[in-house]
Amino acid sequence: MRVSLPHSLGAEEVRRRMHAHGHEIGSYFPPGMATVETDWPHEDRMDLFITAAGQQIDGGIDIFDDKVVIDLDLPAILGFLRGTLERAVRKHGGKLLEKS
């Protein structure tokens, strides 16, 4: 699943916001439903390791000057949640970009 979120903040500002608020990603799930771990292999990539409904979802967030691209590798068993997850990623990802 790939979601692209355009922005006009510039990559440096998005990096700053993601570093400041990236830990909040886990709170976008109902309590107890998922755990989220993050890692920054380099300044323009945040890796995501999510465990939800007993399934591992790997993915990441890539930062560009004019957009943020969120990729999640959904296991086939969670494919039915794709539309719901895409809407949630757009909603919460947009909120994350809005935070200063």
PDB file of N, CA and C in Angstrom:
ATOM      1  N   MET A   1       0.849  -1.162   0.000  1.00  0.00           N
ATOM      2  CA  MET A   1       0.000   0.000   0.000  1.00  0.00           C
ATOM      3  C   MET A   1       0.898   1.228   0.000  1.00  0.00           C
ATOM      4  N   ARG A   2       0.632   2.153  -0.896  1.00  0.00           N
ATOM      5  CA  ARG A   2       1.441   3.370  -0.997  1.00  0.00           C
ATOM      6  C   ARG A   2       0.520   4.582  -0.996  1.00  0.00           C
ATOM      7  N   VAL A   3       0.852   5.537  -0.116  1.00  0.00           N
ATOM      8  CA  VAL A   3       0.091   6.781  -0.026  1.00  0.00           C
ATOM      9  C   VAL A   3       1.082   7.933  -0.136  1.00  0.00           C
ATOM     10  N   SER A   4       0.797   8.868  -1.022  1.00  0.00           N
ATOM     11  CA  SER A   4       1.633  10.045  -1.203  1.00  0.00           C
ATOM     12  C   SER A   4       0.888  11.261  -0.668  1.00  0.00           C
ATOM     13  N   LEU A   5       1.548  12.008   0.208  1.00  0.00           N
ATOM     14  CA  LEU A   5       0.953  13.211   0.796  1.00  0.00           C
ATOM     15  C   LEU A   5       1.758  14.428   0.361  1.00  0.00           C
ATOM     16  N   PRO A   6       1.191  15.273  -0.505  1.00  0.00           N
ATOM     17  CA  PRO A   6       1.919  16.472  -0.932  1.00  0.00           C
ATOM     18  C   PRO A   6       2.026  17.483   0.208  1.00  0.00           C
ATOM     19  N   HIS A   7       3.078  18.278   0.159  1.00  0.00           N
ATOM     20  CA  HIS A   7       3.253  19.343   1.152  1.00  0.00           C
ATOM     21  C   HIS A   7       4.069  20.467   0.528  1.00  0.00           C
ATOM     22  N   SER A   8       4.091  21.608   1.181  1.00  0.00           N
ATOM     23  CA  SER A   8       4.888  22.749   0.714  1.00  0.00           C
ATOM     24  C   SER A   8       5.850  23.210   1.804  1.00  0.00           C
ATOM     25  N   LEU A   9       6.223  22.286   2.686  1.00  0.00           N
ATOM     26  CA  LEU A   9       7.051  22.625   3.841  1.00  0.00           C
ATOM     27  C   LEU A   9       8.548  22.547   3.565  1.00  0.00           C
ATOM     28  N   GLY A  10       8.943  21.825   2.548  1.00  0.00           N
ATOM     29  CA  GLY A  10      10.351  21.549   2.317  1.00  0.00           C
ATOM     30  C   GLY A  10      10.784  20.348   3.134  1.00  0.00           C
ATOM     31  N   ALA A  11      11.754  19.617   2.633  1.00  0.00           N
ATOM     32  CA  ALA A  11      12.185  18.375   3.278  1.00  0.00           C
ATOM     33  C   ALA A  11      12.739  18.612   4.679  1.00  0.00           C
ATOM     34  N   GLU A  12      13.492  19.685   4.869  1.00  0.00           N
ATOM     35  CA  GLU A  12      14.097  19.936   6.179  1.00  0.00           C
ATOM     36  C   GLU A  12      13.037  20.128   7.263  1.00  0.00           C
ATOM     37  N   GLU A  13      11.985  20.875   6.961  1.00  0.00           N
ATOM     38  CA  GLU A  13      10.920  21.098   7.949  1.00  0.00           C
ATOM     39  C   GLU A  13      10.143  19.816   8.215  1.00  0.00           C
ATOM     40  N   VAL A  14       9.899  19.024   7.187  1.00  0.00           N
ATOM     41  CA  VAL A  14       9.203  17.747   7.384  1.00  0.00           C
ATOM     42  C   VAL A  14      10.051  16.824   8.259  1.00  0.00           C
ATOM     43  N   ARG A  15      11.356  16.770   8.012  1.00  0.00           N
ATOM     44  CA  ARG A  15      12.247  15.964   8.851  1.00  0.00           C
ATOM     45  C   ARG A  15      12.127  16.386  10.310  1.00  0.00           C
ATOM     46  N   ARG A  16      12.172  17.683  10.554  1.00  0.00           N
ATOM     47  CA  ARG A  16      12.094  18.186  11.918  1.00  0.00           C
ATOM     48  C   ARG A  16      10.786  17.762  12.575  1.00  0.00           C
ATOM     49  N   ARG A  17       9.676  17.912  11.853  1.00  0.00           N
ATOM     50  CA  ARG A  17       8.365  17.545  12.403  1.00  0.00           C
ATOM     51  C   ARG A  17       8.255  16.046  12.631  1.00  0.00           C
ATOM     52  N   MET A  18       8.784  15.256  11.707  1.00  0.00           N
ATOM     53  CA  MET A  18       8.719  13.801  11.858  1.00  0.00           C
ATOM     54  C   MET A  18       9.553  13.341  13.048  1.00  0.00           C
ATOM     55  N   HIS A  19      10.713  13.953  13.230  1.00  0.00           N
ATOM     56  CA  HIS A  19      11.542  13.595  14.392  1.00  0.00           C
ATOM     57  C   HIS A  19      10.850  14.007  15.689  1.00  0.00           C
ATOM     58  N   ALA A  20      10.182  15.158  15.670  1.00  0.00           N
ATOM     59  CA  ALA A  20       9.524  15.649  16.879  1.00  0.00           C
ATOM     60  C   ALA A  20       8.249  14.883  17.211  1.00  0.00           C
ATOM     61  N   HIS A  21       7.530  14.396  16.199  1.00  0.00           N
ATOM     62  CA  HIS A  21       6.205  13.804  16.435  1.00  0.00           C
ATOM     63  C   HIS A  21       6.043  12.372  15.930  1.00  0.00           C
ATOM     64  N   GLY A  22       7.082  11.790  15.346  1.00  0.00           N
ATOM     65  CA  GLY A  22       6.985  10.428  14.803  1.00  0.00           C
ATOM     66  C   GLY A  22       6.583   9.392  15.835  1.00  0.00           C
ATOM     67  N   HIS A  23       6.960   9.624  17.091  1.00  0.00           N
ATOM     68  CA  HIS A  23       6.609   8.675  18.156  1.00  0.00           C
ATOM     69  C   HIS A  23       5.094   8.593  18.383  1.00  0.00           C
ATOM     70  N   GLU A  24       4.337   9.550  17.852  1.00  0.00           N
ATOM     71  CA  GLU A  24       2.886   9.576  18.041  1.00  0.00           C
ATOM     72  C   GLU A  24       2.146   8.603  17.113  1.00  0.00           C
ATOM     73  N   ILE A  25       2.835   8.017  16.151  1.00  0.00           N
ATOM     74  CA  ILE A  25       2.180   7.138  15.174  1.00  0.00           C
ATOM     75  C   ILE A  25       1.438   6.001  15.871  1.00  0.00           C
ATOM     76  N   GLY A  26       2.002   5.436  16.906  1.00  0.00           N
ATOM     77  CA  GLY A  26       1.339   4.348  17.629  1.00  0.00           C
ATOM     78  C   GLY A  26       0.007   4.749  18.228  1.00  0.00           C
ATOM     79  N   SER A  27      -0.159   6.024  18.564  1.00  0.00           N
ATOM     80  CA  SER A  27      -1.415   6.490  19.172  1.00  0.00           C
ATOM     81  C   SER A  27      -2.547   6.596  18.154  1.00  0.00           C
ATOM     82  N   TYR A  28      -2.248   6.413  16.868  1.00  0.00           N
ATOM     83  CA  TYR A  28      -3.287   6.475  15.842  1.00  0.00           C
ATOM     84  C   TYR A  28      -4.110   5.194  15.784  1.00  0.00           C
ATOM     85  N   PHE A  29      -3.642   4.170  16.470  1.00  0.00           N
ATOM     86  CA  PHE A  29      -4.368   2.903  16.557  1.00  0.00           C
ATOM     87  C   PHE A  29      -5.148   2.877  17.865  1.00  0.00           C
ATOM     88  N   PRO A  30      -6.273   2.161  17.915  1.00  0.00           N
ATOM     89  CA  PRO A  30      -6.982   2.004  19.192  1.00  0.00           C
ATOM     90  C   PRO A  30      -6.054   1.390  20.233  1.00  0.00           C
ATOM     91  N   PRO A  31      -6.196   1.779  21.502  1.00  0.00           N
ATOM     92  CA  PRO A  31      -5.319   1.264  22.560  1.00  0.00           C
ATOM     93  C   PRO A  31      -5.275  -0.269  22.566  1.00  0.00           C
ATOM     94  N   GLY A  32      -4.069  -0.806  22.630  1.00  0.00           N
ATOM     95  CA  GLY A  32      -3.887  -2.249  22.699  1.00  0.00           C
ATOM     96  C   GLY A  32      -3.974  -2.973  21.377  1.00  0.00           C
ATOM     97  N   MET A  33      -4.333  -2.280  20.294  1.00  0.00           N
ATOM     98  CA  MET A  33      -4.509  -2.951  19.011  1.00  0.00           C
ATOM     99  C   MET A  33      -3.197  -3.130  18.256  1.00  0.00           C
ATOM    100  N   ALA A  34      -2.247  -2.226  18.458  1.00  0.00           N
ATOM    101  CA  ALA A  34      -1.011  -2.294  17.673  1.00  0.00           C
ATOM    102  C   ALA A  34       0.168  -1.732  18.448  1.00  0.00           C
ATOM    103  N   THR A  35       1.337  -2.222  18.086  1.00  0.00           N
ATOM    104  CA  THR A  35       2.568  -1.618  18.576  1.00  0.00           C
ATOM    105  C   THR A  35       3.329  -1.109  17.359  1.00  0.00           C
ATOM    106  N   VAL A  36       3.995   0.008  17.535  1.00  0.00           N
ATOM    107  CA  VAL A  36       4.732   0.627  16.436  1.00  0.00           C
ATOM    108  C   VAL A  36       6.142   0.952  16.908  1.00  0.00           C
ATOM    109  N   GLU A  37       7.117   0.498  16.147  1.00  0.00           N
ATOM    110  CA  GLU A  37       8.508   0.853  16.393  1.00  0.00           C
ATOM    111  C   GLU A  37       9.012   1.589  15.156  1.00  0.00           C
ATOM    112  N   THR A  38       9.880   2.567  15.374  1.00  0.00           N
ATOM    113  CA  THR A  38      10.430   3.329  14.267  1.00  0.00           C
ATOM    114  C   THR A  38      11.953   3.324  14.321  1.00  0.00           C
ATOM    115  N   ASP A  39      12.546   3.567  13.175  1.00  0.00           N
ATOM    116  CA  ASP A  39      13.992   3.678  13.074  1.00  0.00           C
ATOM    117  C   ASP A  39      14.285   4.642  11.925  1.00  0.00           C
ATOM    118  N   TRP A  40      15.372   5.372  12.036  1.00  0.00           N
ATOM    119  CA  TRP A  40      15.796   6.309  10.992  1.00  0.00           C
ATOM    120  C   TRP A  40      17.103   5.805  10.371  1.00  0.00           C
ATOM    121  N   PRO A  41      17.040   5.012   9.291  1.00  0.00           N
ATOM    122  CA  PRO A  41      18.278   4.537   8.668  1.00  0.00           C
ATOM    123  C   PRO A  41      19.068   5.667   8.003  1.00  0.00           C
ATOM    124  N   HIS A  42      18.365   6.720   7.587  1.00  0.00           N
ATOM    125  CA  HIS A  42      19.008   7.955   7.115  1.00  0.00           C
ATOM    126  C   HIS A  42      17.991   9.085   7.250  1.00  0.00           C
ATOM    127  N   GLU A  43      18.427  10.311   7.027  1.00  0.00           N
ATOM    128  CA  GLU A  43      17.602  11.470   7.383  1.00  0.00           C
ATOM    129  C   GLU A  43      16.293  11.587   6.610  1.00  0.00           C
ATOM    130  N   ASP A  44      16.181  10.966   5.455  1.00  0.00           N
ATOM    131  CA  ASP A  44      14.954  11.074   4.665  1.00  0.00           C
ATOM    132  C   ASP A  44      14.114   9.800   4.669  1.00  0.00           C
ATOM    133  N   ARG A  45      14.376   8.912   5.623  1.00  0.00           N
ATOM    134  CA  ARG A  45      13.629   7.646   5.685  1.00  0.00           C
ATOM    135  C   ARG A  45      13.391   7.234   7.132  1.00  0.00           C
ATOM    136  N   MET A  46      12.117   7.078   7.474  1.00  0.00           N
ATOM    137  CA  MET A  46      11.738   6.513   8.763  1.00  0.00           C
ATOM    138  C   MET A  46      11.157   5.129   8.487  1.00  0.00           C
ATOM    139  N   ASP A  47      11.805   4.099   8.996  1.00  0.00           N
ATOM    140  CA  ASP A  47      11.276   2.744   8.865  1.00  0.00           C
ATOM    141  C   ASP A  47      10.214   2.525   9.937  1.00  0.00           C
ATOM    142  N   LEU A  48       9.169   1.795   9.573  1.00  0.00           N
ATOM    143  CA  LEU A  48       8.081   1.465  10.493  1.00  0.00           C
ATOM    144  C   LEU A  48       7.989  -0.045  10.648  1.00  0.00           C
ATOM    145  N   PHE A  49       7.828  -0.479  11.888  1.00  0.00           N
ATOM    146  CA  PHE A  49       7.617  -1.886  12.206  1.00  0.00           C
ATOM    147  C   PHE A  49       6.378  -1.946  13.077  1.00  0.00           C
ATOM    148  N   ILE A  50       5.272  -2.383  12.491  1.00  0.00           N
ATOM    149  CA  ILE A  50       3.974  -2.364  13.162  1.00  0.00           C
ATOM    150  C   ILE A  50       3.503  -3.799  13.378  1.00  0.00           C
ATOM    151  N   THR A  51       3.030  -4.075  14.569  1.00  0.00           N
ATOM    152  CA  THR A  51       2.369  -5.344  14.837  1.00  0.00           C
ATOM    153  C   THR A  51       0.912  -5.019  15.153  1.00  0.00           C
ATOM    154  N   ALA A  52       0.008  -5.544  14.331  1.00  0.00           N
ATOM    155  CA  ALA A  52      -1.425  -5.276  14.495  1.00  0.00           C
ATOM    156  C   ALA A  52      -2.195  -6.555  14.211  1.00  0.00           C
ATOM    157  N   ALA A  53      -3.146  -6.850  15.049  1.00  0.00           N
ATOM    158  CA  ALA A  53      -3.975  -8.046  14.883  1.00  0.00           C
ATOM    159  C   ALA A  53      -3.108  -9.290  14.715  1.00  0.00           C
ATOM    160  N   GLY A  54      -1.988  -9.333  15.437  1.00  0.00           N
ATOM    161  CA  GLY A  54      -1.104 -10.481  15.383  1.00  0.00           C
ATOM    162  C   GLY A  54      -0.270 -10.577  14.118  1.00  0.00           C
ATOM    163  N   GLN A  55      -0.303  -9.561  13.280  1.00  0.00           N
ATOM    164  CA  GLN A  55       0.423  -9.568  12.016  1.00  0.00           C
ATOM    165  C   GLN A  55       1.496  -8.484  12.020  1.00  0.00           C
ATOM    166  N   GLN A  56       2.617  -8.777  11.366  1.00  0.00           N
ATOM    167  CA  GLN A  56       3.696  -7.802  11.223  1.00  0.00           C
ATOM    168  C   GLN A  56       3.484  -7.012   9.935  1.00  0.00           C
ATOM    169  N   ILE A  57       3.507  -5.696  10.042  1.00  0.00           N
ATOM    170  CA  ILE A  57       3.405  -4.808   8.886  1.00  0.00           C
ATOM    171  C   ILE A  57       4.677  -3.972   8.858  1.00  0.00           C
ATOM    172  N   ASP A  58       5.488  -4.173   7.845  1.00  0.00           N
ATOM    173  CA  ASP A  58       6.700  -3.381   7.687  1.00  0.00           C
ATOM    174  C   ASP A  58       6.436  -2.281   6.668  1.00  0.00           C
ATOM    175  N   GLY A  59       7.125  -1.206   6.828  1.00  0.00           N
ATOM    176  CA  GLY A  59       6.954  -0.118   5.887  1.00  0.00           C
ATOM    177  C   GLY A  59       7.886   1.022   6.209  1.00  0.00           C
ATOM    178  N   GLY A  60       7.560   2.165   5.661  1.00  0.00           N
ATOM    179  CA  GLY A  60       8.393   3.315   5.909  1.00  0.00           C
ATOM    180  C   GLY A  60       7.798   4.584   5.363  1.00  0.00           C
ATOM    181  N   ILE A  61       8.431   5.665   5.756  1.00  0.00           N
ATOM    182  CA  ILE A  61       8.035   6.992   5.312  1.00  0.00           C
ATOM    183  C   ILE A  61       9.260   7.624   4.670  1.00  0.00           C
ATOM    184  N   ASP A  62       9.120   8.001   3.400  1.00  0.00           N
ATOM    185  CA  ASP A  62      10.195   8.662   2.671  1.00  0.00           C
ATOM    186  C   ASP A  62       9.843  10.137   2.510  1.00  0.00           C
ATOM    187  N   ILE A  63      10.804  10.987   2.817  1.00  0.00           N
ATOM    188  CA  ILE A  63      10.598  12.435   2.806  1.00  0.00           C
ATOM    189  C   ILE A  63      11.227  13.020   1.549  1.00  0.00           C
ATOM    190  N   PHE A  64      10.433  13.811   0.823  1.00  0.00           N
ATOM    191  CA  PHE A  64      10.888  14.525  -0.360  1.00  0.00           C
ATOM    192  C   PHE A  64      10.590  16.009  -0.167  1.00  0.00           C
ATOM    193  N   ASP A  65      11.139  16.847  -1.027  1.00  0.00           N
ATOM    194  CA  ASP A  65      10.927  18.295  -0.895  1.00  0.00           C
ATOM    195  C   ASP A  65       9.462  18.693  -0.983  1.00  0.00           C
ATOM    196  N   ASP A  66       8.665  17.942  -1.764  1.00  0.00           N
ATOM    197  CA  ASP A  66       7.280  18.355  -2.002  1.00  0.00           C
ATOM    198  C   ASP A  66       6.230  17.305  -1.625  1.00  0.00           C
ATOM    199  N   LYS A  67       6.680  16.171  -1.073  1.00  0.00           N
ATOM    200  CA  LYS A  67       5.730  15.126  -0.684  1.00  0.00           C
ATOM    201  C   LYS A  67       6.364  14.189   0.329  1.00  0.00           C
ATOM    202  N   VAL A  68       5.505  13.449   0.994  1.00  0.00           N
ATOM    203  CA  VAL A  68       5.897  12.363   1.883  1.00  0.00           C
ATOM    204  C   VAL A  68       5.228  11.115   1.322  1.00  0.00           C
ATOM    205  N   VAL A  69       5.991  10.045   1.167  1.00  0.00           N
ATOM    206  CA  VAL A  69       5.443   8.801   0.633  1.00  0.00           C
ATOM    207  C   VAL A  69       5.491   7.748   1.742  1.00  0.00           C
ATOM    208  N   ILE A  70       4.322   7.198   2.036  1.00  0.00           N
ATOM    209  CA  ILE A  70       4.189   6.191   3.085  1.00  0.00           C
ATOM    210  C   ILE A  70       3.905   4.854   2.411  1.00  0.00           C
ATOM    211  N   ASP A  71       4.781   3.895   2.645  1.00  0.00           N
ATOM    212  CA  ASP A  71       4.623   2.545   2.097  1.00  0.00           C
ATOM    213  C   ASP A  71       4.420   1.571   3.243  1.00  0.00           C
ATOM    214  N   LEU A  72       3.416   0.732   3.133  1.00  0.00           N
ATOM    215  CA  LEU A  72       3.182  -0.330   4.106  1.00  0.00           C
ATOM    216  C   LEU A  72       2.989  -1.638   3.353  1.00  0.00           C
ATOM    217  N   ASP A  73       3.716  -2.656   3.761  1.00  0.00           N
ATOM    218  CA  ASP A  73       3.582  -3.985   3.160  1.00  0.00           C
ATOM    219  C   ASP A  73       2.544  -4.768   3.955  1.00  0.00           C
ATOM    220  N   LEU A  74       1.304  -4.742   3.473  1.00  0.00           N
ATOM    221  CA  LEU A  74       0.224  -5.438   4.177  1.00  0.00           C
ATOM    222  C   LEU A  74       0.263  -6.932   3.894  1.00  0.00           C
ATOM    223  N   PRO A  75       0.230  -7.753   4.929  1.00  0.00           N
ATOM    224  CA  PRO A  75       0.096  -9.194   4.697  1.00  0.00           C
ATOM    225  C   PRO A  75      -1.257  -9.475   4.033  1.00  0.00           C
ATOM    226  N   ALA A  76      -1.314 -10.525   3.247  1.00  0.00           N
ATOM    227  CA  ALA A  76      -2.542 -10.861   2.522  1.00  0.00           C
ATOM    228  C   ALA A  76      -3.746 -10.964   3.454  1.00  0.00           C
ATOM    229  N   ILE A  77      -3.540 -11.462   4.662  1.00  0.00           N
ATOM    230  CA  ILE A  77      -4.646 -11.644   5.600  1.00  0.00           C
ATOM    231  C   ILE A  77      -5.277 -10.308   6.015  1.00  0.00           C
ATOM    232  N   LEU A  78      -4.505  -9.207   5.883  1.00  0.00           N
ATOM    233  CA  LEU A  78      -5.030  -7.881   6.231  1.00  0.00           C
ATOM    234  C   LEU A  78      -5.424  -7.069   4.994  1.00  0.00           C
ATOM    235  N   GLY A  79      -5.415  -7.689   3.826  1.00  0.00           N
ATOM    236  CA  GLY A  79      -5.759  -6.995   2.588  1.00  0.00           C
ATOM    237  C   GLY A  79      -7.128  -6.343   2.616  1.00  0.00           C
ATOM    238  N   PHE A  80      -8.056  -6.940   3.337  1.00  0.00           N
ATOM    239  CA  PHE A  80      -9.409  -6.377   3.412  1.00  0.00           C
ATOM    240  C   PHE A  80      -9.421  -5.035   4.137  1.00  0.00           C
ATOM    241  N   LEU A  81      -8.373  -4.709   4.853  1.00  0.00           N
ATOM    242  CA  LEU A  81      -8.287  -3.431   5.577  1.00  0.00           C
ATOM    243  C   LEU A  81      -7.621  -2.325   4.758  1.00  0.00           C
ATOM    244  N   ARG A  82      -7.220  -2.629   3.561  1.00  0.00           N
ATOM    245  CA  ARG A  82      -6.456  -1.670   2.755  1.00  0.00           C
ATOM    246  C   ARG A  82      -7.127  -0.303   2.648  1.00  0.00           C
ATOM    247  N   GLY A  83      -8.385  -0.248   2.257  1.00  0.00           N
ATOM    248  CA  GLY A  83      -9.085   1.032   2.104  1.00  0.00           C
ATOM    249  C   GLY A  83      -9.163   1.797   3.418  1.00  0.00           C
ATOM    250  N   THR A  84      -9.475   1.089   4.486  1.00  0.00           N
ATOM    251  CA  THR A  84      -9.562   1.711   5.809  1.00  0.00           C
ATOM    252  C   THR A  84      -8.206   2.261   6.231  1.00  0.00           C
ATOM    253  N   LEU A  85      -7.159   1.475   6.007  1.00  0.00           N
ATOM    254  CA  LEU A  85      -5.816   1.913   6.373  1.00  0.00           C
ATOM    255  C   LEU A  85      -5.353   3.099   5.531  1.00  0.00           C
ATOM    256  N   GLU A  86      -5.665   3.092   4.239  1.00  0.00           N
ATOM    257  CA  GLU A  86      -5.286   4.219   3.387  1.00  0.00           C
ATOM    258  C   GLU A  86      -5.942   5.512   3.872  1.00  0.00           C
ATOM    259  N   ARG A  87      -7.228   5.443   4.216  1.00  0.00           N
ATOM    260  CA  ARG A  87      -7.915   6.638   4.726  1.00  0.00           C
ATOM    261  C   ARG A  87      -7.290   7.115   6.033  1.00  0.00           C
ATOM    262  N   ALA A  88      -6.972   6.169   6.917  1.00  0.00           N
ATOM    263  CA  ALA A  88      -6.358   6.530   8.198  1.00  0.00           C
ATOM    264  C   ALA A  88      -4.976   7.148   7.992  1.00  0.00           C
ATOM    265  N   VAL A  89      -4.196   6.589   7.068  1.00  0.00           N
ATOM    266  CA  VAL A  89      -2.861   7.124   6.791  1.00  0.00           C
ATOM    267  C   VAL A  89      -2.974   8.546   6.251  1.00  0.00           C
ATOM    268  N   ARG A  90      -3.907   8.789   5.345  1.00  0.00           N
ATOM    269  CA  ARG A  90      -4.088  10.140   4.806  1.00  0.00           C
ATOM    270  C   ARG A  90      -4.497  11.122   5.909  1.00  0.00           C
ATOM    271  N   LYS A  91      -5.435  10.705   6.731  1.00  0.00           N
ATOM    272  CA  LYS A  91      -5.931  11.581   7.793  1.00  0.00           C
ATOM    273  C   LYS A  91      -4.835  11.885   8.816  1.00  0.00           C
ATOM    274  N   HIS A  92      -4.244  10.849   9.368  1.00  0.00           N
ATOM    275  CA  HIS A  92      -3.263  11.035  10.437  1.00  0.00           C
ATOM    276  C   HIS A  92      -1.917  11.535   9.907  1.00  0.00           C
ATOM    277  N   GLY A  93      -1.543  11.090   8.716  1.00  0.00           N
ATOM    278  CA  GLY A  93      -0.309  11.589   8.115  1.00  0.00           C
ATOM    279  C   GLY A  93      -0.397  13.076   7.844  1.00  0.00           C
ATOM    280  N   GLY A  94      -1.557  13.522   7.384  1.00  0.00           N
ATOM    281  CA  GLY A  94      -1.770  14.953   7.171  1.00  0.00           C
ATOM    282  C   GLY A  94      -1.678  15.725   8.474  1.00  0.00           C
ATOM    283  N   LYS A  95      -2.253  15.169   9.532  1.00  0.00           N
ATOM    284  CA  LYS A  95      -2.178  15.816  10.847  1.00  0.00           C
ATOM    285  C   LYS A  95      -0.745  15.900  11.351  1.00  0.00           C
ATOM    286  N   LEU A  96       0.028  14.847  11.104  1.00  0.00           N
ATOM    287  CA  LEU A  96       1.419  14.827  11.531  1.00  0.00           C
ATOM    288  C   LEU A  96       2.219  15.921  10.813  1.00  0.00           C
ATOM    289  N   LEU A  97       1.918  16.142   9.539  1.00  0.00           N
ATOM    290  CA  LEU A  97       2.607  17.191   8.778  1.00  0.00           C
ATOM    291  C   LEU A  97       2.190  18.590   9.253  1.00  0.00           C
ATOM    292  N   GLU A  98       0.974  18.718   9.774  1.00  0.00           N
ATOM    293  CA  GLU A  98       0.480  20.019  10.222  1.00  0.00           C
ATOM    294  C   GLU A  98       1.108  20.464  11.534  1.00  0.00           C
ATOM    295  N   LYS A  99       1.558  19.507  12.334  1.00  0.00           N
ATOM    296  CA  LYS A  99       2.116  19.856  13.646  1.00  0.00           C
ATOM    297  C   LYS A  99       3.444  20.574  13.473  1.00  0.00           C
ATOM    298  N   SER A 100       3.645  21.591  14.275  1.00  0.00           N
ATOM    299  CA  SER A 100       4.916  22.320  14.171  1.00  0.00           C
ATOM    300  C   SER A 100       5.866  21.949  15.282  1.00  0.00           C
TER     301      SER A 100
END
